[in-house]
Amino acid sequence: VSFFIGQELATLTSLDCFISTSVDLQEQVHCVQKLHHML
């Protein structure tokens, strides 16, 4: 999140779905994989 916002490539709102803690751990791992691929 720090990278995408710091580089002005995305807003916190647009990244909300990838950093939610309301989903289970497996889904959180998938979200991190998505963020890493985009990075």
PDB file of all heavy atoms in Angstrom:
ATOM      1  N   VAL A   1       0.838  -1.198   0.000  1.00  0.00           N
ATOM      2  CA  VAL A   1       0.000   0.000   0.000  1.00  0.00           C
ATOM      3  C   VAL A   1       0.876   1.252   0.000  1.00  0.00           C
ATOM      4  O   VAL A   1       0.600   2.220  -0.725  1.00  0.00           O
ATOM      5  CB  VAL A   1      -0.953   0.003   1.211  1.00  0.00           C
ATOM      6  CG1 VAL A   1      -1.615   1.371   1.371  1.00  0.00           C
ATOM      7  CG2 VAL A   1      -2.015  -1.072   1.057  1.00  0.00           C
ATOM      8  N   SER A   2       1.940   1.218   0.801  1.00  0.00           N
ATOM      9  CA  SER A   2       2.854   2.352   0.870  1.00  0.00           C
ATOM     10  C   SER A   2       3.469   2.634  -0.497  1.00  0.00           C
ATOM     11  O   SER A   2       3.607   3.798  -0.908  1.00  0.00           O
ATOM     12  CB  SER A   2       3.968   2.070   1.882  1.00  0.00           C
ATOM     13  OG  SER A   2       4.926   3.105   1.899  1.00  0.00           O
ATOM     14  N   PHE A   3       3.815   1.577  -1.234  1.00  0.00           N
ATOM     15  CA  PHE A   3       4.400   1.761  -2.564  1.00  0.00           C
ATOM     16  C   PHE A   3       3.392   2.390  -3.520  1.00  0.00           C
ATOM     17  O   PHE A   3       3.684   3.407  -4.164  1.00  0.00           O
ATOM     18  CB  PHE A   3       4.869   0.420  -3.131  1.00  0.00           C
ATOM     19  CG  PHE A   3       5.225   0.480  -4.601  1.00  0.00           C
ATOM     20  CD1 PHE A   3       6.443   0.989  -5.006  1.00  0.00           C
ATOM     21  CD2 PHE A   3       4.314   0.066  -5.569  1.00  0.00           C
ATOM     22  CE1 PHE A   3       6.770   1.077  -6.354  1.00  0.00           C
ATOM     23  CE2 PHE A   3       4.633   0.141  -6.927  1.00  0.00           C
ATOM     24  CZ  PHE A   3       5.870   0.651  -7.322  1.00  0.00           C
ATOM     25  N   PHE A   4       2.208   1.798  -3.638  1.00  0.00           N
ATOM     26  CA  PHE A   4       1.235   2.265  -4.622  1.00  0.00           C
ATOM     27  C   PHE A   4       0.749   3.684  -4.319  1.00  0.00           C
ATOM     28  O   PHE A   4       0.575   4.488  -5.238  1.00  0.00           O
ATOM     29  CB  PHE A   4       0.058   1.300  -4.702  1.00  0.00           C
ATOM     30  CG  PHE A   4       0.389   0.015  -5.420  1.00  0.00           C
ATOM     31  CD1 PHE A   4       0.441  -1.185  -4.735  1.00  0.00           C
ATOM     32  CD2 PHE A   4       0.666   0.019  -6.771  1.00  0.00           C
ATOM     33  CE1 PHE A   4       0.764  -2.374  -5.383  1.00  0.00           C
ATOM     34  CE2 PHE A   4       0.989  -1.162  -7.440  1.00  0.00           C
ATOM     35  CZ  PHE A   4       1.039  -2.357  -6.748  1.00  0.00           C
ATOM     36  N   ILE A   5       0.544   3.988  -3.036  1.00  0.00           N
ATOM     37  CA  ILE A   5       0.096   5.330  -2.677  1.00  0.00           C
ATOM     38  C   ILE A   5       1.251   6.319  -2.804  1.00  0.00           C
ATOM     39  O   ILE A   5       1.083   7.434  -3.304  1.00  0.00           O
ATOM     40  CB  ILE A   5      -0.492   5.339  -1.255  1.00  0.00           C
ATOM     41  CG1 ILE A   5      -1.788   4.523  -1.223  1.00  0.00           C
ATOM     42  CG2 ILE A   5      -0.753   6.775  -0.794  1.00  0.00           C
ATOM     43  CD1 ILE A   5      -2.440   4.452   0.137  1.00  0.00           C
ATOM     44  N   GLY A   6       2.439   5.917  -2.343  1.00  0.00           N
ATOM     45  CA  GLY A   6       3.614   6.783  -2.413  1.00  0.00           C
ATOM     46  C   GLY A   6       3.985   7.160  -3.831  1.00  0.00           C
ATOM     47  O   GLY A   6       4.430   8.283  -4.094  1.00  0.00           O
ATOM     48  N   GLN A   7       3.782   6.238  -4.771  1.00  0.00           N
ATOM     49  CA  GLN A   7       4.072   6.507  -6.182  1.00  0.00           C
ATOM     50  C   GLN A   7       2.879   7.125  -6.909  1.00  0.00           C
ATOM     51  O   GLN A   7       2.930   7.334  -8.126  1.00  0.00           O
ATOM     52  CB  GLN A   7       4.467   5.198  -6.886  1.00  0.00           C
ATOM     53  CG  GLN A   7       5.739   4.561  -6.353  1.00  0.00           C
ATOM     54  CD  GLN A   7       6.955   5.432  -6.555  1.00  0.00           C
ATOM     55  OE1 GLN A   7       7.132   6.005  -7.626  1.00  0.00           O
ATOM     56  NE2 GLN A   7       7.785   5.540  -5.532  1.00  0.00           N
ATOM     57  N   GLU A   8       1.810   7.390  -6.153  1.00  0.00           N
ATOM     58  CA  GLU A   8       0.576   7.977  -6.699  1.00  0.00           C
ATOM     59  C   GLU A   8      -0.004   7.139  -7.840  1.00  0.00           C
ATOM     60  O   GLU A   8      -0.486   7.660  -8.857  1.00  0.00           O
ATOM     61  CB  GLU A   8       0.835   9.418  -7.171  1.00  0.00           C
ATOM     62  CG  GLU A   8       1.270  10.342  -6.042  1.00  0.00           C
ATOM     63  CD  GLU A   8       1.458  11.779  -6.497  1.00  0.00           C
ATOM     64  OE1 GLU A   8       1.484  12.025  -7.726  1.00  0.00           O
ATOM     65  OE2 GLU A   8       1.579  12.664  -5.634  1.00  0.00           O
ATOM     66  N   LEU A   9       0.031   5.825  -7.636  1.00  0.00           N
ATOM     67  CA  LEU A   9      -0.519   4.901  -8.622  1.00  0.00           C
ATOM     68  C   LEU A   9      -1.905   4.404  -8.224  1.00  0.00           C
ATOM     69  O   LEU A   9      -2.619   3.836  -9.050  1.00  0.00           O
ATOM     70  CB  LEU A   9       0.422   3.701  -8.799  1.00  0.00           C
ATOM     71  CG  LEU A   9       1.813   4.025  -9.346  1.00  0.00           C
ATOM     72  CD1 LEU A   9       2.685   2.772  -9.351  1.00  0.00           C
ATOM     73  CD2 LEU A   9       1.724   4.630 -10.751  1.00  0.00           C
ATOM     74  N   ALA A  10      -2.277   4.588  -6.966  1.00  0.00           N
ATOM     75  CA  ALA A  10      -3.579   4.130  -6.473  1.00  0.00           C
ATOM     76  C   ALA A  10      -3.917   4.879  -5.195  1.00  0.00           C
ATOM     77  O   ALA A  10      -3.053   5.498  -4.568  1.00  0.00           O
ATOM     78  CB  ALA A  10      -3.548   2.619  -6.218  1.00  0.00           C
ATOM     79  N   THR A  11      -5.190   4.812  -4.818  1.00  0.00           N
ATOM     80  CA  THR A  11      -5.643   5.405  -3.559  1.00  0.00           C
ATOM     81  C   THR A  11      -5.926   4.289  -2.562  1.00  0.00           C
ATOM     82  O   THR A  11      -6.071   3.125  -2.938  1.00  0.00           O
ATOM     83  CB  THR A  11      -6.924   6.218  -3.763  1.00  0.00           C
ATOM     84  OG1 THR A  11      -7.974   5.327  -4.201  1.00  0.00           O
ATOM     85  CG2 THR A  11      -6.716   7.296  -4.809  1.00  0.00           C
ATOM     86  N   LEU A  12      -5.989   4.666  -1.297  1.00  0.00           N
ATOM     87  CA  LEU A  12      -6.285   3.681  -0.261  1.00  0.00           C
ATOM     88  C   LEU A  12      -7.645   3.038  -0.508  1.00  0.00           C
ATOM     89  O   LEU A  12      -7.821   1.835  -0.302  1.00  0.00           O
ATOM     90  CB  LEU A  12      -6.247   4.345   1.119  1.00  0.00           C
ATOM     91  CG  LEU A  12      -6.431   3.413   2.325  1.00  0.00           C
ATOM     92  CD1 LEU A  12      -5.349   2.336   2.357  1.00  0.00           C
ATOM     93  CD2 LEU A  12      -6.411   4.223   3.621  1.00  0.00           C
ATOM     94  N   THR A  13      -8.590   3.829  -0.979  1.00  0.00           N
ATOM     95  CA  THR A  13      -9.932   3.309  -1.252  1.00  0.00           C
ATOM     96  C   THR A  13      -9.902   2.230  -2.333  1.00  0.00           C
ATOM     97  O   THR A  13     -10.562   1.193  -2.200  1.00  0.00           O
ATOM     98  CB  THR A  13     -10.870   4.445  -1.703  1.00  0.00           C
ATOM     99  OG1 THR A  13     -10.931   5.449  -0.680  1.00  0.00           O
ATOM    100  CG2 THR A  13     -12.264   3.911  -1.970  1.00  0.00           C
ATOM    101  N   SER A  14      -9.120   2.448  -3.384  1.00  0.00           N
ATOM    102  CA  SER A  14      -9.065   1.468  -4.475  1.00  0.00           C
ATOM    103  C   SER A  14      -8.361   0.181  -4.057  1.00  0.00           C
ATOM    104  O   SER A  14      -8.549  -0.871  -4.667  1.00  0.00           O
ATOM    105  CB  SER A  14      -8.359   2.072  -5.689  1.00  0.00           C
ATOM    106  OG  SER A  14      -6.995   2.319  -5.413  1.00  0.00           O
ATOM    107  N   LEU A  15      -7.553   0.257  -2.988  1.00  0.00           N
ATOM    108  CA  LEU A  15      -6.808  -0.918  -2.517  1.00  0.00           C
ATOM    109  C   LEU A  15      -7.485  -1.616  -1.339  1.00  0.00           C
ATOM    110  O   LEU A  15      -6.988  -2.634  -0.858  1.00  0.00           O
ATOM    111  CB  LEU A  15      -5.382  -0.506  -2.111  1.00  0.00           C
ATOM    112  CG  LEU A  15      -4.492   0.035  -3.229  1.00  0.00           C
ATOM    113  CD1 LEU A  15      -3.196   0.593  -2.647  1.00  0.00           C
ATOM    114  CD2 LEU A  15      -4.193  -1.044  -4.257  1.00  0.00           C
ATOM    115  N   ASP A  16      -8.604  -1.048  -0.888  1.00  0.00           N
ATOM    116  CA  ASP A  16      -9.300  -1.581   0.299  1.00  0.00           C
ATOM    117  C   ASP A  16      -9.575  -3.076   0.211  1.00  0.00           C
ATOM    118  O   ASP A  16      -9.429  -3.800   1.197  1.00  0.00           O
ATOM    119  CB  ASP A  16     -10.625  -0.839   0.519  1.00  0.00           C
ATOM    120  CG  ASP A  16     -10.455   0.352   1.456  1.00  0.00           C
ATOM    121  OD1 ASP A  16      -9.372   0.450   2.062  1.00  0.00           O
ATOM    122  OD2 ASP A  16     -11.377   1.161   1.561  1.00  0.00           O
ATOM    123  N   CYS A  17      -9.996  -3.530  -0.960  1.00  0.00           N
ATOM    124  CA  CYS A  17     -10.387  -4.930  -1.089  1.00  0.00           C
ATOM    125  C   CYS A  17      -9.202  -5.878  -0.926  1.00  0.00           C
ATOM    126  O   CYS A  17      -9.384  -7.065  -0.657  1.00  0.00           O
ATOM    127  CB  CYS A  17     -11.064  -5.177  -2.434  1.00  0.00           C
ATOM    128  SG  CYS A  17     -10.005  -4.856  -3.859  1.00  0.00           S
ATOM    129  N   PHE A  18      -7.980  -5.367  -1.076  1.00  0.00           N
ATOM    130  CA  PHE A  18      -6.793  -6.218  -0.971  1.00  0.00           C
ATOM    131  C   PHE A  18      -6.210  -6.249   0.440  1.00  0.00           C
ATOM    132  O   PHE A  18      -5.373  -7.096   0.746  1.00  0.00           O
ATOM    133  CB  PHE A  18      -5.707  -5.744  -1.938  1.00  0.00           C
ATOM    134  CG  PHE A  18      -6.142  -5.707  -3.371  1.00  0.00           C
ATOM    135  CD1 PHE A  18      -6.314  -4.505  -4.032  1.00  0.00           C
ATOM    136  CD2 PHE A  18      -6.384  -6.883  -4.074  1.00  0.00           C
ATOM    137  CE1 PHE A  18      -6.721  -4.462  -5.356  1.00  0.00           C
ATOM    138  CE2 PHE A  18      -6.798  -6.856  -5.401  1.00  0.00           C
ATOM    139  CZ  PHE A  18      -6.966  -5.643  -6.040  1.00  0.00           C
ATOM    140  N   ILE A  19      -6.629  -5.318   1.292  1.00  0.00           N
ATOM    141  CA  ILE A  19      -6.019  -5.226   2.624  1.00  0.00           C
ATOM    142  C   ILE A  19      -7.015  -5.499   3.744  1.00  0.00           C
ATOM    143  O   ILE A  19      -6.714  -5.298   4.917  1.00  0.00           O
ATOM    144  CB  ILE A  19      -5.370  -3.840   2.832  1.00  0.00           C
ATOM    145  CG1 ILE A  19      -6.398  -2.714   2.689  1.00  0.00           C
ATOM    146  CG2 ILE A  19      -4.228  -3.649   1.845  1.00  0.00           C
ATOM    147  CD1 ILE A  19      -5.835  -1.327   2.946  1.00  0.00           C
ATOM    148  N   SER A  20      -8.197  -5.973   3.386  1.00  0.00           N
ATOM    149  CA  SER A  20      -9.215  -6.266   4.391  1.00  0.00           C
ATOM    150  C   SER A  20      -8.769  -7.394   5.325  1.00  0.00           C
ATOM    151  O   SER A  20      -8.164  -8.380   4.887  1.00  0.00           O
ATOM    152  CB  SER A  20     -10.528  -6.656   3.706  1.00  0.00           C
ATOM    153  OG  SER A  20     -11.469  -7.111   4.656  1.00  0.00           O
ATOM    154  N   THR A  21      -9.052  -7.233   6.601  1.00  0.00           N
ATOM    155  CA  THR A  21      -8.748  -8.285   7.583  1.00  0.00           C
ATOM    156  C   THR A  21     -10.008  -9.051   7.976  1.00  0.00           C
ATOM    157  O   THR A  21      -9.958  -9.913   8.857  1.00  0.00           O
ATOM    158  CB  THR A  21      -8.109  -7.673   8.849  1.00  0.00           C
ATOM    159  OG1 THR A  21      -8.999  -6.679   9.396  1.00  0.00           O
ATOM    160  CG2 THR A  21      -6.781  -7.030   8.530  1.00  0.00           C
ATOM    161  N   SER A  22     -11.127  -8.746   7.305  1.00  0.00           N
ATOM    162  CA  SER A  22     -12.384  -9.423   7.640  1.00  0.00           C
ATOM    163  C   SER A  22     -12.524 -10.762   6.936  1.00  0.00           C
ATOM    164  O   SER A  22     -13.443 -11.519   7.198  1.00  0.00           O
ATOM    165  CB  SER A  22     -13.574  -8.522   7.288  1.00  0.00           C
ATOM    166  OG  SER A  22     -13.590  -8.245   5.889  1.00  0.00           O
ATOM    167  N   VAL A  23     -11.602 -11.061   6.000  1.00  0.00           N
ATOM    168  CA  VAL A  23     -11.633 -12.352   5.295  1.00  0.00           C
ATOM    169  C   VAL A  23     -10.666 -13.310   5.979  1.00  0.00           C
ATOM    170  O   VAL A  23      -9.826 -12.902   6.779  1.00  0.00           O
ATOM    171  CB  VAL A  23     -11.260 -12.176   3.810  1.00  0.00           C
ATOM    172  CG1 VAL A  23     -12.295 -11.330   3.103  1.00  0.00           C
ATOM    173  CG2 VAL A  23      -9.876 -11.548   3.658  1.00  0.00           C
ATOM    174  N   ASP A  24     -10.781 -14.615   5.665  1.00  0.00           N
ATOM    175  CA  ASP A  24      -9.914 -15.594   6.324  1.00  0.00           C
ATOM    176  C   ASP A  24      -8.470 -15.460   5.844  1.00  0.00           C
ATOM    177  O   ASP A  24      -8.158 -14.758   4.878  1.00  0.00           O
ATOM    178  CB  ASP A  24     -10.431 -17.019   6.110  1.00  0.00           C
ATOM    179  CG  ASP A  24     -10.478 -17.427   4.633  1.00  0.00           C
ATOM    180  OD1 ASP A  24      -9.623 -16.964   3.853  1.00  0.00           O
ATOM    181  OD2 ASP A  24     -11.371 -18.208   4.272  1.00  0.00           O
ATOM    182  N   LEU A  25      -7.566 -16.165   6.546  1.00  0.00           N
ATOM    183  CA  LEU A  25      -6.144 -16.036   6.266  1.00  0.00           C
ATOM    184  C   LEU A  25      -5.781 -16.461   4.848  1.00  0.00           C
ATOM    185  O   LEU A  25      -4.914 -15.864   4.208  1.00  0.00           O
ATOM    186  CB  LEU A  25      -5.330 -16.848   7.278  1.00  0.00           C
ATOM    187  CG  LEU A  25      -5.156 -16.225   8.665  1.00  0.00           C
ATOM    188  CD1 LEU A  25      -4.364 -17.158   9.576  1.00  0.00           C
ATOM    189  CD2 LEU A  25      -4.446 -14.877   8.565  1.00  0.00           C
ATOM    190  N   GLN A  26      -6.435 -17.508   4.338  1.00  0.00           N
ATOM    191  CA  GLN A  26      -6.136 -17.974   2.995  1.00  0.00           C
ATOM    192  C   GLN A  26      -6.433 -16.893   1.962  1.00  0.00           C
ATOM    193  O   GLN A  26      -5.656 -16.653   1.045  1.00  0.00           O
ATOM    194  CB  GLN A  26      -6.943 -19.234   2.674  1.00  0.00           C
ATOM    195  CG  GLN A  26      -6.633 -19.854   1.312  1.00  0.00           C
ATOM    196  CD  GLN A  26      -5.194 -20.286   1.172  1.00  0.00           C
ATOM    197  OE1 GLN A  26      -4.748 -21.197   1.870  1.00  0.00           O
ATOM    198  NE2 GLN A  26      -4.447 -19.636   0.302  1.00  0.00           N
ATOM    199  N   GLU A  27      -7.566 -16.216   2.130  1.00  0.00           N
ATOM    200  CA  GLU A  27      -7.928 -15.148   1.206  1.00  0.00           C
ATOM    201  C   GLU A  27      -6.971 -13.963   1.353  1.00  0.00           C
ATOM    202  O   GLU A  27      -6.643 -13.297   0.362  1.00  0.00           O
ATOM    203  CB  GLU A  27      -9.368 -14.706   1.458  1.00  0.00           C
ATOM    204  CG  GLU A  27      -9.874 -13.628   0.505  1.00  0.00           C
ATOM    205  CD  GLU A  27      -9.786 -14.033  -0.956  1.00  0.00           C
ATOM    206  OE1 GLU A  27      -9.940 -15.246  -1.261  1.00  0.00           O
ATOM    207  OE2 GLU A  27      -9.561 -13.150  -1.805  1.00  0.00           O
ATOM    208  N   GLN A  28      -6.506 -13.703   2.568  1.00  0.00           N
ATOM    209  CA  GLN A  28      -5.539 -12.627   2.779  1.00  0.00           C
ATOM    210  C   GLN A  28      -4.221 -12.943   2.069  1.00  0.00           C
ATOM    211  O   GLN A  28      -3.573 -12.048   1.517  1.00  0.00           O
ATOM    212  CB  GLN A  28      -5.299 -12.396   4.269  1.00  0.00           C
ATOM    213  CG  GLN A  28      -6.483 -11.773   4.996  1.00  0.00           C
ATOM    214  CD  GLN A  28      -6.156 -11.426   6.437  1.00  0.00           C
ATOM    215  OE1 GLN A  28      -5.141 -10.775   6.721  1.00  0.00           O
ATOM    216  NE2 GLN A  28      -7.001 -11.855   7.363  1.00  0.00           N
ATOM    217  N   VAL A  29      -3.832 -14.213   2.095  1.00  0.00           N
ATOM    218  CA  VAL A  29      -2.619 -14.635   1.369  1.00  0.00           C
ATOM    219  C   VAL A  29      -2.799 -14.387  -0.129  1.00  0.00           C
ATOM    220  O   VAL A  29      -1.896 -13.883  -0.798  1.00  0.00           O
ATOM    221  CB  VAL A  29      -2.306 -16.122   1.637  1.00  0.00           C
ATOM    222  CG1 VAL A  29      -1.204 -16.613   0.701  1.00  0.00           C
ATOM    223  CG2 VAL A  29      -1.886 -16.325   3.091  1.00  0.00           C
ATOM    224  N   HIS A  30      -3.971 -14.723  -0.659  1.00  0.00           N
ATOM    225  CA  HIS A  30      -4.260 -14.495  -2.073  1.00  0.00           C
ATOM    226  C   HIS A  30      -4.192 -13.004  -2.407  1.00  0.00           C
ATOM    227  O   HIS A  30      -3.692 -12.618  -3.478  1.00  0.00           O
ATOM    228  CB  HIS A  30      -5.642 -15.041  -2.434  1.00  0.00           C
ATOM    229  CG  HIS A  30      -5.695 -16.535  -2.472  1.00  0.00           C
ATOM    230  ND1 HIS A  30      -6.872 -17.251  -2.428  1.00  0.00           N
ATOM    231  CD2 HIS A  30      -4.700 -17.465  -2.555  1.00  0.00           C
ATOM    232  CE1 HIS A  30      -6.603 -18.539  -2.476  1.00  0.00           C
ATOM    233  NE2 HIS A  30      -5.298 -18.693  -2.553  1.00  0.00           N
ATOM    234  N   CYS A  31      -4.687 -12.171  -1.501  1.00  0.00           N
ATOM    235  CA  CYS A  31      -4.653 -10.722  -1.729  1.00  0.00           C
ATOM    236  C   CYS A  31      -3.213 -10.206  -1.790  1.00  0.00           C
ATOM    237  O   CYS A  31      -2.883  -9.349  -2.619  1.00  0.00           O
ATOM    238  CB  CYS A  31      -5.422  -9.992  -0.626  1.00  0.00           C
ATOM    239  SG  CYS A  31      -7.218 -10.190  -0.733  1.00  0.00           S
ATOM    240  N   VAL A  32      -2.365 -10.739  -0.923  1.00  0.00           N
ATOM    241  CA  VAL A  32      -0.955 -10.346  -0.935  1.00  0.00           C
ATOM    242  C   VAL A  32      -0.285 -10.806  -2.231  1.00  0.00           C
ATOM    243  O   VAL A  32       0.536 -10.093  -2.813  1.00  0.00           O
ATOM    244  CB  VAL A  32      -0.214 -10.918   0.292  1.00  0.00           C
ATOM    245  CG1 VAL A  32       1.293 -10.794   0.133  1.00  0.00           C
ATOM    246  CG2 VAL A  32      -0.650 -10.192   1.558  1.00  0.00           C
ATOM    247  N   GLN A  33      -0.656 -11.990  -2.716  1.00  0.00           N
ATOM    248  CA  GLN A  33      -0.115 -12.473  -3.992  1.00  0.00           C
ATOM    249  C   GLN A  33      -0.514 -11.543  -5.132  1.00  0.00           C
ATOM    250  O   GLN A  33       0.290 -11.262  -6.034  1.00  0.00           O
ATOM    251  CB  GLN A  33      -0.615 -13.890  -4.272  1.00  0.00           C
ATOM    252  CG  GLN A  33      -0.021 -14.946  -3.347  1.00  0.00           C
ATOM    253  CD  GLN A  33      -0.621 -16.330  -3.587  1.00  0.00           C
ATOM    254  OE1 GLN A  33      -1.820 -16.462  -3.828  1.00  0.00           O
ATOM    255  NE2 GLN A  33       0.210 -17.352  -3.515  1.00  0.00           N
ATOM    256  N   LYS A  34      -1.747 -11.077  -5.107  1.00  0.00           N
ATOM    257  CA  LYS A  34      -2.217 -10.148  -6.142  1.00  0.00           C
ATOM    258  C   LYS A  34      -1.422  -8.839  -6.083  1.00  0.00           C
ATOM    259  O   LYS A  34      -0.977  -8.319  -7.119  1.00  0.00           O
ATOM    260  CB  LYS A  34      -3.708  -9.846  -5.947  1.00  0.00           C
ATOM    261  CG  LYS A  34      -4.628 -11.040  -6.149  1.00  0.00           C
ATOM    262  CD  LYS A  34      -6.070 -10.661  -5.836  1.00  0.00           C
ATOM    263  CE  LYS A  34      -7.020 -11.839  -5.968  1.00  0.00           C
ATOM    264  NZ  LYS A  34      -8.426 -11.456  -5.659  1.00  0.00           N
ATOM    265  N   LEU A  35      -1.253  -8.304  -4.880  1.00  0.00           N
ATOM    266  CA  LEU A  35      -0.508  -7.059  -4.718  1.00  0.00           C
ATOM    267  C   LEU A  35       0.927  -7.213  -5.199  1.00  0.00           C
ATOM    268  O   LEU A  35       1.486  -6.321  -5.839  1.00  0.00           O
ATOM    269  CB  LEU A  35      -0.528  -6.624  -3.243  1.00  0.00           C
ATOM    270  CG  LEU A  35      -1.865  -6.093  -2.712  1.00  0.00           C
ATOM    271  CD1 LEU A  35      -1.824  -5.992  -1.190  1.00  0.00           C
ATOM    272  CD2 LEU A  35      -2.185  -4.736  -3.328  1.00  0.00           C
ATOM    273  N   HIS A  36       1.521  -8.370  -4.888  1.00  0.00           N
ATOM    274  CA  HIS A  36       2.911  -8.583  -5.298  1.00  0.00           C
ATOM    275  C   HIS A  36       3.025  -8.680  -6.824  1.00  0.00           C
ATOM    276  O   HIS A  36       3.972  -8.147  -7.413  1.00  0.00           O
ATOM    277  CB  HIS A  36       3.474  -9.853  -4.660  1.00  0.00           C
ATOM    278  CG  HIS A  36       4.937 -10.044  -4.943  1.00  0.00           C
ATOM    279  ND1 HIS A  36       5.903  -9.316  -4.292  1.00  0.00           N
ATOM    280  CD2 HIS A  36       5.589 -10.844  -5.831  1.00  0.00           C
ATOM    281  CE1 HIS A  36       7.099  -9.660  -4.760  1.00  0.00           C
ATOM    282  NE2 HIS A  36       6.936 -10.589  -5.695  1.00  0.00           N
ATOM    283  N   HIS A  37       2.067  -9.343  -7.449  1.00  0.00           N
ATOM    284  CA  HIS A  37       2.098  -9.445  -8.904  1.00  0.00           C
ATOM    285  C   HIS A  37       1.983  -8.061  -9.550  1.00  0.00           C
ATOM    286  O   HIS A  37       2.709  -7.738 -10.501  1.00  0.00           O
ATOM    287  CB  HIS A  37       0.963 -10.352  -9.393  1.00  0.00           C
ATOM    288  CG  HIS A  37       1.066 -10.694 -10.846  1.00  0.00           C
ATOM    289  ND1 HIS A  37      -0.033 -11.073 -11.601  1.00  0.00           N
ATOM    290  CD2 HIS A  37       2.126 -10.692 -11.704  1.00  0.00           C
ATOM    291  CE1 HIS A  37       0.361 -11.299 -12.845  1.00  0.00           C
ATOM    292  NE2 HIS A  37       1.654 -11.076 -12.933  1.00  0.00           N
ATOM    293  N   MET A  38       1.079  -7.241  -9.022  1.00  0.00           N
ATOM    294  CA  MET A  38       0.933  -5.881  -9.549  1.00  0.00           C
ATOM    295  C   MET A  38       2.218  -5.080  -9.336  1.00  0.00           C
ATOM    296  O   MET A  38       2.646  -4.319 -10.213  1.00  0.00           O
ATOM    297  CB  MET A  38      -0.250  -5.178  -8.881  1.00  0.00           C
ATOM    298  CG  MET A  38      -1.608  -5.763  -9.273  1.00  0.00           C
ATOM    299  SD  MET A  38      -3.007  -4.744  -8.747  1.00  0.00           S
ATOM    300  CE  MET A  38      -2.972  -4.977  -6.970  1.00  0.00           C
ATOM    301  N   LEU A  39       2.843  -5.263  -8.171  1.00  0.00           N
ATOM    302  CA  LEU A  39       4.096  -4.568  -7.888  1.00  0.00           C
ATOM    303  C   LEU A  39       5.181  -4.990  -8.873  1.00  0.00           C
ATOM    304  O   LEU A  39       5.912  -4.152  -9.411  1.00  0.00           O
ATOM    305  CB  LEU A  39       4.550  -4.884  -6.463  1.00  0.00           C
ATOM    306  CG  LEU A  39       5.914  -4.315  -6.063  1.00  0.00           C
ATOM    307  CD1 LEU A  39       5.828  -2.822  -5.832  1.00  0.00           C
ATOM    308  CD2 LEU A  39       6.453  -5.002  -4.817  1.00  0.00           C
TER     309      LEU A  39
END
